[in-house]
C-alpha cells in the first residue's frame, strides 16, 4: 500500500471564467511513497502534511511548500534519528522519504496554485 499525491492545475471555462470541475483538471505532478514510511514522516512532523492535507485545511501547493521545506530540513539535520524509523520489512528508507519530499517540494514551488489531492 502507498500514499499517492497529486498536484492539479484547475482549468477555467473560456466563456464564463468559472473553474471547471475536477474531471477537467490538468495533472502536473504525481508521486507515491509506501505507507511504511509514515512513522518516519511522523517523527519529522510531516505525517499530516503528506497523508492528510485535506483534513488540516491545506488545499494548494503554496500552502504546503513551506511545511515540506521545514520537514525536509528536520530530516536532513537528524538523519541518524530518522533512520531509526526505517521499516523492518525493507520497504522504504530514509533516502526514499527524502527524495519523495524533495520532488514534491520542487513541484509545489513550480506550481504554487496547484490543487493538492491524495489517495491513501
PDB file of N, CA and C in Angstrom:
ATOM      1  N   UNK A   1       0.844  -1.180   0.000  1.00  0.00           N
ATOM      2  CA  UNK A   1       0.000   0.000   0.000  1.00  0.00           C
ATOM      3  C   UNK A   1       0.883   1.235   0.000  1.00  0.00           C
ATOM      4  N   UNK A   2       0.352   2.292  -0.600  1.00  0.00           N
ATOM      5  CA  UNK A   2       1.151   3.505  -0.689  1.00  0.00           C
ATOM      6  C   UNK A   2       0.272   4.740  -0.631  1.00  0.00           C
ATOM      7  N   UNK A   3       0.944   5.841  -0.394  1.00  0.00           N
ATOM      8  CA  UNK A   3       0.326   7.158  -0.456  1.00  0.00           C
ATOM      9  C   UNK A   3       0.604   7.712  -1.841  1.00  0.00           C
ATOM     10  N   UNK A   4      -0.432   8.131  -2.530  1.00  0.00           N
ATOM     11  CA  UNK A   4      -0.288   8.784  -3.824  1.00  0.00           C
ATOM     12  C   UNK A   4      -0.646  10.250  -3.653  1.00  0.00           C
ATOM     13  N   UNK A   5       0.229  11.129  -4.116  1.00  0.00           N
ATOM     14  CA  UNK A   5      -0.027  12.567  -4.047  1.00  0.00           C
ATOM     15  C   UNK A   5      -0.105  13.121  -5.466  1.00  0.00           C
ATOM     16  N   UNK A   6      -0.956  14.118  -5.646  1.00  0.00           N
ATOM     17  CA  UNK A   6      -1.165  14.716  -6.961  1.00  0.00           C
ATOM     18  C   UNK A   6      -1.244  16.226  -6.826  1.00  0.00           C
ATOM     19  N   UNK A   7      -0.723  16.913  -7.815  1.00  0.00           N
ATOM     20  CA  UNK A   7      -0.938  18.347  -7.971  1.00  0.00           C
ATOM     21  C   UNK A   7      -1.646  18.541  -9.302  1.00  0.00           C
ATOM     22  N   UNK A   8      -2.722  19.308  -9.264  1.00  0.00           N
ATOM     23  CA  UNK A   8      -3.537  19.563 -10.459  1.00  0.00           C
ATOM     24  C   UNK A   8      -3.693  21.066 -10.641  1.00  0.00           C
ATOM     25  N   UNK A   9      -3.599  21.499 -11.879  1.00  0.00           N
ATOM     26  CA  UNK A   9      -3.963  22.869 -12.200  1.00  0.00           C
ATOM     27  C   UNK A   9      -5.400  22.841 -12.686  1.00  0.00           C
ATOM     28  N   UNK A  10      -6.218  23.671 -12.058  1.00  0.00           N
ATOM     29  CA  UNK A  10      -7.616  23.757 -12.466  1.00  0.00           C
ATOM     30  C   UNK A  10      -7.695  24.566 -13.754  1.00  0.00           C
ATOM     31  N   UNK A  11      -8.574  24.159 -14.648  1.00  0.00           N
ATOM     32  CA  UNK A  11      -8.771  24.911 -15.882  1.00  0.00           C
ATOM     33  C   UNK A  11     -10.036  25.732 -15.762  1.00  0.00           C
ATOM     34  N   UNK A  12     -10.042  26.839 -16.483  1.00  0.00           N
ATOM     35  CA  UNK A  12     -11.170  27.770 -16.429  1.00  0.00           C
ATOM     36  C   UNK A  12     -12.008  27.644 -17.699  1.00  0.00           C
ATOM     37  N   UNK A  13     -13.281  27.845 -17.532  1.00  0.00           N
ATOM     38  CA  UNK A  13     -14.187  27.897 -18.676  1.00  0.00           C
ATOM     39  C   UNK A  13     -13.904  29.200 -19.433  1.00  0.00           C
ATOM     40  N   UNK A  14     -13.658  29.096 -20.723  1.00  0.00           N
ATOM     41  CA  UNK A  14     -13.335  30.291 -21.504  1.00  0.00           C
ATOM     42  C   UNK A  14     -14.516  31.245 -21.626  1.00  0.00           C
ATOM     43  N   UNK A  15     -15.731  30.725 -21.535  1.00  0.00           N
ATOM     44  CA  UNK A  15     -16.910  31.570 -21.696  1.00  0.00           C
ATOM     45  C   UNK A  15     -17.262  32.336 -20.426  1.00  0.00           C
ATOM     46  N   UNK A  16     -17.224  31.648 -19.276  1.00  0.00           N
ATOM     47  CA  UNK A  16     -17.697  32.303 -18.052  1.00  0.00           C
ATOM     48  C   UNK A  16     -16.612  32.487 -16.999  1.00  0.00           C
ATOM     49  N   UNK A  17     -15.399  31.997 -17.260  1.00  0.00           N
ATOM     50  CA  UNK A  17     -14.252  32.113 -16.349  1.00  0.00           C
ATOM     51  C   UNK A  17     -14.433  31.366 -15.034  1.00  0.00           C
ATOM     52  N   UNK A  18     -15.386  30.439 -14.975  1.00  0.00           N
ATOM     53  CA  UNK A  18     -15.546  29.616 -13.770  1.00  0.00           C
ATOM     54  C   UNK A  18     -14.541  28.468 -13.811  1.00  0.00           C
ATOM     55  N   UNK A  19     -14.132  28.018 -12.645  1.00  0.00           N
ATOM     56  CA  UNK A  19     -13.239  26.870 -12.570  1.00  0.00           C
ATOM     57  C   UNK A  19     -14.027  25.612 -12.910  1.00  0.00           C
ATOM     58  N   UNK A  20     -13.494  24.824 -13.824  1.00  0.00           N
ATOM     59  CA  UNK A  20     -14.155  23.596 -14.225  1.00  0.00           C
ATOM     60  C   UNK A  20     -13.977  22.532 -13.152  1.00  0.00           C
ATOM     61  N   UNK A  21     -14.871  21.564 -13.131  1.00  0.00           N
ATOM     62  CA  UNK A  21     -14.798  20.519 -12.102  1.00  0.00           C
ATOM     63  C   UNK A  21     -13.564  19.650 -12.281  1.00  0.00           C
ATOM     64  N   UNK A  22     -13.318  18.788 -11.311  1.00  0.00           N
ATOM     65  CA  UNK A  22     -12.070  18.037 -11.238  1.00  0.00           C
ATOM     66  C   UNK A  22     -11.800  17.152 -12.452  1.00  0.00           C
ATOM     67  N   UNK A  23     -12.815  16.769 -13.219  1.00  0.00           N
ATOM     68  CA  UNK A  23     -12.534  15.942 -14.386  1.00  0.00           C
ATOM     69  C   UNK A  23     -11.786  16.712 -15.460  1.00  0.00           C
ATOM     70  N   UNK A  24     -11.736  18.036 -15.344  1.00  0.00           N
ATOM     71  CA  UNK A  24     -11.042  18.858 -16.338  1.00  0.00           C
ATOM     72  C   UNK A  24      -9.721  19.414 -15.811  1.00  0.00           C
ATOM     73  N   UNK A  25      -9.317  19.011 -14.620  1.00  0.00           N
ATOM     74  CA  UNK A  25      -8.041  19.467 -14.078  1.00  0.00           C
ATOM     75  C   UNK A  25      -6.893  18.829 -14.846  1.00  0.00           C
ATOM     76  N   UNK A  26      -5.779  19.533 -14.909  1.00  0.00           N
ATOM     77  CA  UNK A  26      -4.580  19.035 -15.574  1.00  0.00           C
ATOM     78  C   UNK A  26      -3.588  18.598 -14.494  1.00  0.00           C
ATOM     79  N   UNK A  27      -3.200  17.331 -14.518  1.00  0.00           N
ATOM     80  CA  UNK A  27      -2.242  16.813 -13.545  1.00  0.00           C
ATOM     81  C   UNK A  27      -0.856  17.320 -13.898  1.00  0.00           C
ATOM     82  N   UNK A  28      -0.193  17.977 -12.932  1.00  0.00           N
ATOM     83  CA  UNK A  28       1.153  18.490 -13.173  1.00  0.00           C
ATOM     84  C   UNK A  28       2.215  17.738 -12.375  1.00  0.00           C
ATOM     85  N   UNK A  29       1.792  16.917 -11.423  1.00  0.00           N
ATOM     86  CA  UNK A  29       2.740  16.139 -10.626  1.00  0.00           C
ATOM     87  C   UNK A  29       2.009  14.988  -9.966  1.00  0.00           C
ATOM     88  N   UNK A  30       2.676  13.863  -9.910  1.00  0.00           N
ATOM     89  CA  UNK A  30       2.189  12.733  -9.133  1.00  0.00           C
ATOM     90  C   UNK A  30       3.396  11.967  -8.605  1.00  0.00           C
ATOM     91  N   UNK A  31       3.242  11.441  -7.411  1.00  0.00           N
ATOM     92  CA  UNK A  31       4.299  10.626  -6.800  1.00  0.00           C
ATOM     93  C   UNK A  31       3.654   9.728  -5.759  1.00  0.00           C
ATOM     94  N   UNK A  32       4.378   8.681  -5.392  1.00  0.00           N
ATOM     95  CA  UNK A  32       3.870   7.849  -4.303  1.00  0.00           C
ATOM     96  C   UNK A  32       5.009   7.404  -3.416  1.00  0.00           C
ATOM     97  N   UNK A  33       4.621   7.052  -2.211  1.00  0.00           N
ATOM     98  CA  UNK A  33       5.575   6.582  -1.211  1.00  0.00           C
ATOM     99  C   UNK A  33       4.857   5.536  -0.365  1.00  0.00           C
ATOM    100  N   UNK A  34       5.592   4.567   0.104  1.00  0.00           N
ATOM    101  CA  UNK A  34       4.996   3.497   0.892  1.00  0.00           C
ATOM    102  C   UNK A  34       4.478   3.996   2.239  1.00  0.00           C
ATOM    103  N   UNK A  35       3.382   3.391   2.665  1.00  0.00           N
ATOM    104  CA  UNK A  35       2.842   3.695   3.993  1.00  0.00           C
ATOM    105  C   UNK A  35       3.820   3.298   5.097  1.00  0.00           C
ATOM    106  N   UNK A  36       4.768   2.422   4.785  1.00  0.00           N
ATOM    107  CA  UNK A  36       5.746   2.019   5.783  1.00  0.00           C
ATOM    108  C   UNK A  36       6.588   3.191   6.286  1.00  0.00           C
ATOM    109  N   UNK A  37       6.606   4.292   5.529  1.00  0.00           N
ATOM    110  CA  UNK A  37       7.392   5.457   5.936  1.00  0.00           C
ATOM    111  C   UNK A  37       6.588   6.456   6.763  1.00  0.00           C
ATOM    112  N   UNK A  38       5.350   6.138   7.058  1.00  0.00           N
ATOM    113  CA  UNK A  38       4.526   7.034   7.873  1.00  0.00           C
ATOM    114  C   UNK A  38       5.145   7.310   9.244  1.00  0.00           C
ATOM    115  N   UNK A  39       5.685   6.316   9.963  1.00  0.00           N
ATOM    116  CA  UNK A  39       6.305   6.623  11.258  1.00  0.00           C
ATOM    117  C   UNK A  39       7.503   7.577  11.134  1.00  0.00           C
ATOM    118  N   UNK A  40       8.284   7.426  10.073  1.00  0.00           N
ATOM    119  CA  UNK A  40       9.420   8.320   9.863  1.00  0.00           C
ATOM    120  C   UNK A  40       8.918   9.732   9.552  1.00  0.00           C
ATOM    121  N   UNK A  41       7.877   9.822   8.747  1.00  0.00           N
ATOM    122  CA  UNK A  41       7.280  11.124   8.444  1.00  0.00           C
ATOM    123  C   UNK A  41       6.720  11.768   9.711  1.00  0.00           C
ATOM    124  N   UNK A  42       6.101  10.970  10.548  1.00  0.00           N
ATOM    125  CA  UNK A  42       5.563  11.486  11.812  1.00  0.00           C
ATOM    126  C   UNK A  42       6.691  12.009  12.694  1.00  0.00           C
ATOM    127  N   UNK A  43       7.802  11.301  12.743  1.00  0.00           N
ATOM    128  CA  UNK A  43       8.943  11.728  13.560  1.00  0.00           C
ATOM    129  C   UNK A  43       9.513  13.062  13.073  1.00  0.00           C
ATOM    130  N   UNK A  44       9.326  13.362  11.796  1.00  0.00           N
ATOM    131  CA  UNK A  44       9.790  14.630  11.226  1.00  0.00           C
ATOM    132  C   UNK A  44       8.678  15.669  11.178  1.00  0.00           C
ATOM    133  N   UNK A  45       7.560  15.386  11.846  1.00  0.00           N
ATOM    134  CA  UNK A  45       6.391  16.274  11.859  1.00  0.00           C
ATOM    135  C   UNK A  45       5.883  16.552  10.446  1.00  0.00           C
ATOM    136  N   UNK A  46       5.853  15.521   9.625  1.00  0.00           N
ATOM    137  CA  UNK A  46       5.386  15.644   8.244  1.00  0.00           C
ATOM    138  C   UNK A  46       4.149  14.813   7.936  1.00  0.00           C
ATOM    139  N   UNK A  47       3.777  13.927   8.830  1.00  0.00           N
ATOM    140  CA  UNK A  47       2.715  12.976   8.513  1.00  0.00           C
ATOM    141  C   UNK A  47       1.426  13.658   8.035  1.00  0.00           C
ATOM    142  N   UNK A  48       0.895  14.567   8.814  1.00  0.00           N
ATOM    143  CA  UNK A  48      -0.378  15.202   8.437  1.00  0.00           C
ATOM    144  C   UNK A  48      -0.262  15.995   7.145  1.00  0.00           C
ATOM    145  N   UNK A  49       0.876  16.635   6.936  1.00  0.00           N
ATOM    146  CA  UNK A  49       1.059  17.413   5.706  1.00  0.00           C
ATOM    147  C   UNK A  49       1.101  16.518   4.476  1.00  0.00           C
ATOM    148  N   UNK A  50       1.668  15.325   4.628  1.00  0.00           N
ATOM    149  CA  UNK A  50       1.765  14.407   3.499  1.00  0.00           C
ATOM    150  C   UNK A  50       0.516  13.555   3.338  1.00  0.00           C
ATOM    151  N   UNK A  51       0.075  12.926   4.423  1.00  0.00           N
ATOM    152  CA  UNK A  51      -1.018  11.956   4.343  1.00  0.00           C
ATOM    153  C   UNK A  51      -2.403  12.591   4.470  1.00  0.00           C
ATOM    154  N   UNK A  52      -2.521  13.710   5.157  1.00  0.00           N
ATOM    155  CA  UNK A  52      -3.848  14.244   5.448  1.00  0.00           C
ATOM    156  C   UNK A  52      -3.973  15.757   5.248  1.00  0.00           C
ATOM    157  N   UNK A  53      -3.458  16.304   4.165  1.00  0.00           N
ATOM    158  CA  UNK A  53      -3.548  17.752   3.980  1.00  0.00           C
ATOM    159  C   UNK A  53      -4.997  18.242   3.914  1.00  0.00           C
ATOM    160  N   UNK A  54      -5.855  17.417   3.333  1.00  0.00           N
ATOM    161  CA  UNK A  54      -7.270  17.779   3.195  1.00  0.00           C
ATOM    162  C   UNK A  54      -7.956  17.932   4.548  1.00  0.00           C
ATOM    163  N   UNK A  55      -7.474  17.229   5.558  1.00  0.00           N
ATOM    164  CA  UNK A  55      -8.090  17.274   6.879  1.00  0.00           C
ATOM    165  C   UNK A  55      -7.596  18.448   7.723  1.00  0.00           C
ATOM    166  N   UNK A  56      -6.516  19.093   7.286  1.00  0.00           N
ATOM    167  CA  UNK A  56      -5.973  20.211   8.066  1.00  0.00           C
ATOM    168  C   UNK A  56      -6.000  21.528   7.280  1.00  0.00           C
ATOM    169  N   UNK A  57      -6.814  21.573   6.242  1.00  0.00           N
ATOM    170  CA  UNK A  57      -7.055  22.823   5.521  1.00  0.00           C
ATOM    171  C   UNK A  57      -6.009  23.198   4.484  1.00  0.00           C
ATOM    172  N   UNK A  58      -5.173  22.266   4.089  1.00  0.00           N
ATOM    173  CA  UNK A  58      -4.183  22.556   3.047  1.00  0.00           C
ATOM    174  C   UNK A  58      -4.761  22.095   1.716  1.00  0.00           C
ATOM    175  N   UNK A  59      -4.997  23.069   0.833  1.00  0.00           N
ATOM    176  CA  UNK A  59      -5.635  22.772  -0.445  1.00  0.00           C
ATOM    177  C   UNK A  59      -4.738  23.035  -1.644  1.00  0.00           C
ATOM    178  N   UNK A  60      -3.818  24.004  -1.508  1.00  0.00           N
ATOM    179  CA  UNK A  60      -2.994  24.403  -2.644  1.00  0.00           C
ATOM    180  C   UNK A  60      -1.510  24.265  -2.313  1.00  0.00           C
ATOM    181  N   UNK A  61      -0.727  24.095  -3.365  1.00  0.00           N
ATOM    182  CA  UNK A  61       0.702  23.824  -3.222  1.00  0.00           C
ATOM    183  C   UNK A  61       1.444  24.907  -2.444  1.00  0.00           C
ATOM    184  N   UNK A  62       1.075  26.162  -2.621  1.00  0.00           N
ATOM    185  CA  UNK A  62       1.784  27.240  -1.914  1.00  0.00           C
ATOM    186  C   UNK A  62       1.596  27.142  -0.402  1.00  0.00           C
ATOM    187  N   UNK A  63       0.510  26.517   0.040  1.00  0.00           N
ATOM    188  CA  UNK A  63       0.295  26.311   1.473  1.00  0.00           C
ATOM    189  C   UNK A  63       1.189  25.192   2.001  1.00  0.00           C
ATOM    190  N   UNK A  64       1.438  24.206   1.181  1.00  0.00           N
ATOM    191  CA  UNK A  64       2.194  23.033   1.587  1.00  0.00           C
ATOM    192  C   UNK A  64       3.706  23.242   1.504  1.00  0.00           C
ATOM    193  N   UNK A  65       4.164  24.002   0.542  1.00  0.00           N
ATOM    194  CA  UNK A  65       5.601  24.135   0.281  1.00  0.00           C
ATOM    195  C   UNK A  65       6.433  24.503   1.513  1.00  0.00           C
ATOM    196  N   UNK A  66       6.072  25.537   2.278  1.00  0.00           N
ATOM    197  CA  UNK A  66       6.928  25.866   3.428  1.00  0.00           C
ATOM    198  C   UNK A  66       6.922  24.779   4.502  1.00  0.00           C
ATOM    199  N   UNK A  67       5.837  24.043   4.606  1.00  0.00           N
ATOM    200  CA  UNK A  67       5.749  22.956   5.583  1.00  0.00           C
ATOM    201  C   UNK A  67       6.632  21.782   5.163  1.00  0.00           C
ATOM    202  N   UNK A  68       6.645  21.487   3.862  1.00  0.00           N
ATOM    203  CA  UNK A  68       7.535  20.448   3.354  1.00  0.00           C
ATOM    204  C   UNK A  68       8.996  20.855   3.526  1.00  0.00           C
ATOM    205  N   UNK A  69       9.292  22.126   3.256  1.00  0.00           N
ATOM    206  CA  UNK A  69      10.670  22.611   3.389  1.00  0.00           C
ATOM    207  C   UNK A  69      11.157  22.482   4.833  1.00  0.00           C
ATOM    208  N   UNK A  70      10.301  22.835   5.775  1.00  0.00           N
ATOM    209  CA  UNK A  70      10.675  22.730   7.194  1.00  0.00           C
ATOM    210  C   UNK A  70      10.873  21.271   7.600  1.00  0.00           C
ATOM    211  N   UNK A  71      10.000  20.396   7.138  1.00  0.00           N
ATOM    212  CA  UNK A  71      10.125  18.974   7.449  1.00  0.00           C
ATOM    213  C   UNK A  71      11.360  18.361   6.817  1.00  0.00           C
ATOM    214  N   UNK A  72      11.654  18.764   5.594  1.00  0.00           N
ATOM    215  CA  UNK A  72      12.855  18.271   4.924  1.00  0.00           C
ATOM    216  C   UNK A  72      14.099  18.705   5.701  1.00  0.00           C
ATOM    217  N   UNK A  73      14.092  19.925   6.169  1.00  0.00           N
ATOM    218  CA  UNK A  73      15.214  20.422   6.975  1.00  0.00           C
ATOM    219  C   UNK A  73      15.386  19.581   8.247  1.00  0.00           C
ATOM    220  N   UNK A  74      14.264  19.250   8.890  1.00  0.00           N
ATOM    221  CA  UNK A  74      14.339  18.400  10.090  1.00  0.00           C
ATOM    222  C   UNK A  74      14.935  17.036   9.752  1.00  0.00           C
ATOM    223  N   UNK A  75      14.509  16.457   8.644  1.00  0.00           N
ATOM    224  CA  UNK A  75      15.056  15.159   8.221  1.00  0.00           C
ATOM    225  C   UNK A  75      16.559  15.246   7.956  1.00  0.00           C
ATOM    226  N   UNK A  76      16.953  16.274   7.228  1.00  0.00           N
ATOM    227  CA  UNK A  76      18.358  16.404   6.846  1.00  0.00           C
ATOM    228  C   UNK A  76      19.259  16.746   8.031  1.00  0.00           C
ATOM    229  N   UNK A  77      18.714  17.425   9.020  1.00  0.00           N
ATOM    230  CA  UNK A  77      19.501  17.805  10.196  1.00  0.00           C
ATOM    231  C   UNK A  77      19.681  16.660  11.187  1.00  0.00           C
ATOM    232  N   UNK A  78      18.910  15.607  11.067  1.00  0.00           N
ATOM    233  CA  UNK A  78      18.994  14.490  12.023  1.00  0.00           C
ATOM    234  C   UNK A  78      18.798  13.146  11.325  1.00  0.00           C
ATOM    235  N   UNK A  79      19.657  12.815  10.371  1.00  0.00           N
ATOM    236  CA  UNK A  79      19.451  11.564   9.633  1.00  0.00           C
ATOM    237  C   UNK A  79      19.502  10.327  10.526  1.00  0.00           C
ATOM    238  N   UNK A  80      20.419  10.305  11.486  1.00  0.00           N
ATOM    239  CA  UNK A  80      20.537   9.120  12.345  1.00  0.00           C
ATOM    240  C   UNK A  80      19.245   8.879  13.118  1.00  0.00           C
ATOM    241  N   UNK A  81      18.665   9.955  13.628  1.00  0.00           N
ATOM    242  CA  UNK A  81      17.401   9.826  14.375  1.00  0.00           C
ATOM    243  C   UNK A  81      16.307   9.256  13.475  1.00  0.00           C
ATOM    244  N   UNK A  82      16.164   9.815  12.293  1.00  0.00           N
ATOM    245  CA  UNK A  82      15.075   9.392  11.407  1.00  0.00           C
ATOM    246  C   UNK A  82      15.304   8.008  10.814  1.00  0.00           C
ATOM    247  N   UNK A  83      16.570   7.633  10.637  1.00  0.00           N
ATOM    248  CA  UNK A  83      16.856   6.289  10.127  1.00  0.00           C
ATOM    249  C   UNK A  83      16.433   5.211  11.123  1.00  0.00           C
ATOM    250  N   UNK A  84      16.258   5.583  12.402  1.00  0.00           N
ATOM    251  CA  UNK A  84      15.746   4.626  13.396  1.00  0.00           C
ATOM    252  C   UNK A  84      14.331   4.159  13.045  1.00  0.00           C
ATOM    253  N   UNK A  85      13.638   4.902  12.188  1.00  0.00           N
ATOM    254  CA  UNK A  85      12.270   4.563  11.787  1.00  0.00           C
ATOM    255  C   UNK A  85      12.220   3.809  10.463  1.00  0.00           C
ATOM    256  N   UNK A  86      13.370   3.338  10.008  1.00  0.00           N
ATOM    257  CA  UNK A  86      13.411   2.553   8.772  1.00  0.00           C
ATOM    258  C   UNK A  86      12.571   1.293   8.963  1.00  0.00           C
ATOM    259  N   UNK A  87      11.666   1.010   8.044  1.00  0.00           N
ATOM    260  CA  UNK A  87      10.809  -0.173   8.176  1.00  0.00           C
ATOM    261  C   UNK A  87      11.622  -1.469   8.216  1.00  0.00           C
ATOM    262  N   UNK A  88      11.269  -2.326   9.145  1.00  0.00           N
ATOM    263  CA  UNK A  88      11.974  -3.603   9.295  1.00  0.00           C
ATOM    264  C   UNK A  88      11.801  -4.501   8.083  1.00  0.00           C
ATOM    265  N   UNK A  89      10.689  -4.350   7.363  1.00  0.00           N
ATOM    266  CA  UNK A  89      10.440  -5.227   6.217  1.00  0.00           C
ATOM    267  C   UNK A  89      11.225  -4.809   4.965  1.00  0.00           C
ATOM    268  N   UNK A  90      11.971  -3.707   5.054  1.00  0.00           N
ATOM    269  CA  UNK A  90      12.799  -3.280   3.932  1.00  0.00           C
ATOM    270  C   UNK A  90      12.079  -2.455   2.880  1.00  0.00           C
ATOM    271  N   UNK A  91      10.794  -2.225   3.053  1.00  0.00           N
ATOM    272  CA  UNK A  91      10.026  -1.429   2.091  1.00  0.00           C
ATOM    273  C   UNK A  91      10.054   0.026   2.538  1.00  0.00           C
ATOM    274  N   UNK A  92      10.939   0.803   1.945  1.00  0.00           N
ATOM    275  CA  UNK A  92      11.074   2.212   2.273  1.00  0.00           C
ATOM    276  C   UNK A  92      12.348   2.461   3.057  1.00  0.00           C
ATOM    277  N   UNK A  93      12.827   3.708   2.958  1.00  0.00           N
ATOM    278  CA  UNK A  93      14.052   4.085   3.651  1.00  0.00           C
ATOM    279  C   UNK A  93      14.080   5.594   3.846  1.00  0.00           C
ATOM    280  N   UNK A  94      15.044   6.035   4.615  1.00  0.00           N
ATOM    281  CA  UNK A  94      15.265   7.466   4.824  1.00  0.00           C
ATOM    282  C   UNK A  94      15.485   8.161   3.481  1.00  0.00           C
ATOM    283  N   UNK A  95      16.324   7.585   2.647  1.00  0.00           N
ATOM    284  CA  UNK A  95      16.633   8.187   1.342  1.00  0.00           C
ATOM    285  C   UNK A  95      15.375   8.274   0.476  1.00  0.00           C
ATOM    286  N   UNK A  96      14.556   7.246   0.504  1.00  0.00           N
ATOM    287  CA  UNK A  96      13.312   7.258  -0.280  1.00  0.00           C
ATOM    288  C   UNK A  96      12.414   8.407   0.176  1.00  0.00           C
ATOM    289  N   UNK A  97      12.267   8.583   1.490  1.00  0.00           N
ATOM    290  CA  UNK A  97      11.410   9.664   2.001  1.00  0.00           C
ATOM    291  C   UNK A  97      11.984  11.029   1.650  1.00  0.00           C
ATOM    292  N   UNK A  98      13.275  11.204   1.818  1.00  0.00           N
ATOM    293  CA  UNK A  98      13.915  12.485   1.489  1.00  0.00           C
ATOM    294  C   UNK A  98      13.731  12.798   0.003  1.00  0.00           C
ATOM    295  N   UNK A  99      13.963  11.825  -0.860  1.00  0.00           N
ATOM    296  CA  UNK A  99      13.800  12.049  -2.305  1.00  0.00           C
ATOM    297  C   UNK A  99      12.356  12.370  -2.663  1.00  0.00           C
ATOM    298  N   UNK A 100      11.414  11.679  -2.037  1.00  0.00           N
ATOM    299  CA  UNK A 100       9.990  11.933  -2.266  1.00  0.00           C
ATOM    300  C   UNK A 100       9.644  13.376  -1.882  1.00  0.00           C
ATOM    301  N   UNK A 101      10.097  13.810  -0.722  1.00  0.00           N
ATOM    302  CA  UNK A 101       9.779  15.166  -0.255  1.00  0.00           C
ATOM    303  C   UNK A 101      10.463  16.210  -1.136  1.00  0.00           C
ATOM    304  N   UNK A 102      11.685  15.964  -1.522  1.00  0.00           N
ATOM    305  CA  UNK A 102      12.378  16.914  -2.416  1.00  0.00           C
ATOM    306  C   UNK A 102      11.616  17.098  -3.728  1.00  0.00           C
ATOM    307  N   UNK A 103      11.181  15.998  -4.316  1.00  0.00           N
ATOM    308  CA  UNK A 103      10.447  16.070  -5.580  1.00  0.00           C
ATOM    309  C   UNK A 103       9.105  16.777  -5.399  1.00  0.00           C
ATOM    310  N   UNK A 104       8.414  16.457  -4.317  1.00  0.00           N
ATOM    311  CA  UNK A 104       7.111  17.063  -4.023  1.00  0.00           C
ATOM    312  C   UNK A 104       7.269  18.556  -3.776  1.00  0.00           C
ATOM    313  N   UNK A 105       8.278  18.943  -3.007  1.00  0.00           N
ATOM    314  CA  UNK A 105       8.537  20.355  -2.730  1.00  0.00           C
ATOM    315  C   UNK A 105       8.858  21.113  -4.010  1.00  0.00           C
ATOM    316  N   UNK A 106       9.686  20.542  -4.863  1.00  0.00           N
ATOM    317  CA  UNK A 106      10.024  21.180  -6.139  1.00  0.00           C
ATOM    318  C   UNK A 106       8.767  21.405  -6.971  1.00  0.00           C
ATOM    319  N   UNK A 107       7.903  20.397  -7.025  1.00  0.00           N
ATOM    320  CA  UNK A 107       6.661  20.529  -7.792  1.00  0.00           C
ATOM    321  C   UNK A 107       5.754  21.598  -7.190  1.00  0.00           C
ATOM    322  N   UNK A 108       5.694  21.670  -5.866  1.00  0.00           N
ATOM    323  CA  UNK A 108       4.883  22.702  -5.204  1.00  0.00           C
ATOM    324  C   UNK A 108       5.424  24.089  -5.525  1.00  0.00           C
ATOM    325  N   UNK A 109       6.748  24.244  -5.475  1.00  0.00           N
ATOM    326  CA  UNK A 109       7.364  25.539  -5.779  1.00  0.00           C
ATOM    327  C   UNK A 109       7.120  25.949  -7.224  1.00  0.00           C
ATOM    328  N   UNK A 110       7.117  24.987  -8.127  1.00  0.00           N
ATOM    329  CA  UNK A 110       6.918  25.273  -9.550  1.00  0.00           C
ATOM    330  C   UNK A 110       5.456  25.485  -9.913  1.00  0.00           C
ATOM    331  N   UNK A 111       4.535  25.023  -9.056  1.00  0.00           N
ATOM    332  CA  UNK A 111       3.090  25.108  -9.329  1.00  0.00           C
ATOM    333  C   UNK A 111       2.359  25.591  -8.080  1.00  0.00           C
ATOM    334  N   UNK A 112       2.626  26.812  -7.616  1.00  0.00           N
ATOM    335  CA  UNK A 112       2.090  27.257  -6.325  1.00  0.00           C
ATOM    336  C   UNK A 112       0.566  27.276  -6.238  1.00  0.00           C
ATOM    337  N   UNK A 113      -0.113  27.444  -7.336  1.00  0.00           N
ATOM    338  CA  UNK A 113      -1.572  27.474  -7.317  1.00  0.00           C
ATOM    339  C   UNK A 113      -2.219  26.121  -7.543  1.00  0.00           C
ATOM    340  N   UNK A 114      -1.406  25.084  -7.672  1.00  0.00           N
ATOM    341  CA  UNK A 114      -1.939  23.746  -7.948  1.00  0.00           C
ATOM    342  C   UNK A 114      -2.761  23.239  -6.770  1.00  0.00           C
ATOM    343  N   UNK A 115      -3.765  22.476  -7.086  1.00  0.00           N
ATOM    344  CA  UNK A 115      -4.653  21.863  -6.090  1.00  0.00           C
ATOM    345  C   UNK A 115      -4.059  20.514  -5.698  1.00  0.00           C
ATOM    346  N   UNK A 116      -4.041  20.251  -4.396  1.00  0.00           N
ATOM    347  CA  UNK A 116      -3.466  19.015  -3.871  1.00  0.00           C
ATOM    348  C   UNK A 116      -4.570  17.990  -3.661  1.00  0.00           C
ATOM    349  N   UNK A 117      -4.323  16.781  -4.121  1.00  0.00           N
ATOM    350  CA  UNK A 117      -5.183  15.649  -3.762  1.00  0.00           C
ATOM    351  C   UNK A 117      -4.286  14.491  -3.358  1.00  0.00           C
ATOM    352  N   UNK A 118      -4.798  13.662  -2.480  1.00  0.00           N
ATOM    353  CA  UNK A 118      -4.052  12.484  -2.034  1.00  0.00           C
ATOM    354  C   UNK A 118      -4.961  11.267  -2.075  1.00  0.00           C
ATOM    355  N   UNK A 119      -4.352  10.124  -2.233  1.00  0.00           N
ATOM    356  CA  UNK A 119      -5.051   8.843  -2.151  1.00  0.00           C
ATOM    357  C   UNK A 119      -4.260   8.001  -1.188  1.00  0.00           C
ATOM    358  N   UNK A 120      -4.923   7.587  -0.121  1.00  0.00           N
ATOM    359  CA  UNK A 120      -4.220   6.795   0.896  1.00  0.00           C
ATOM    360  C   UNK A 120      -4.867   5.442   1.076  1.00  0.00           C
TER     361      UNK A 120
END
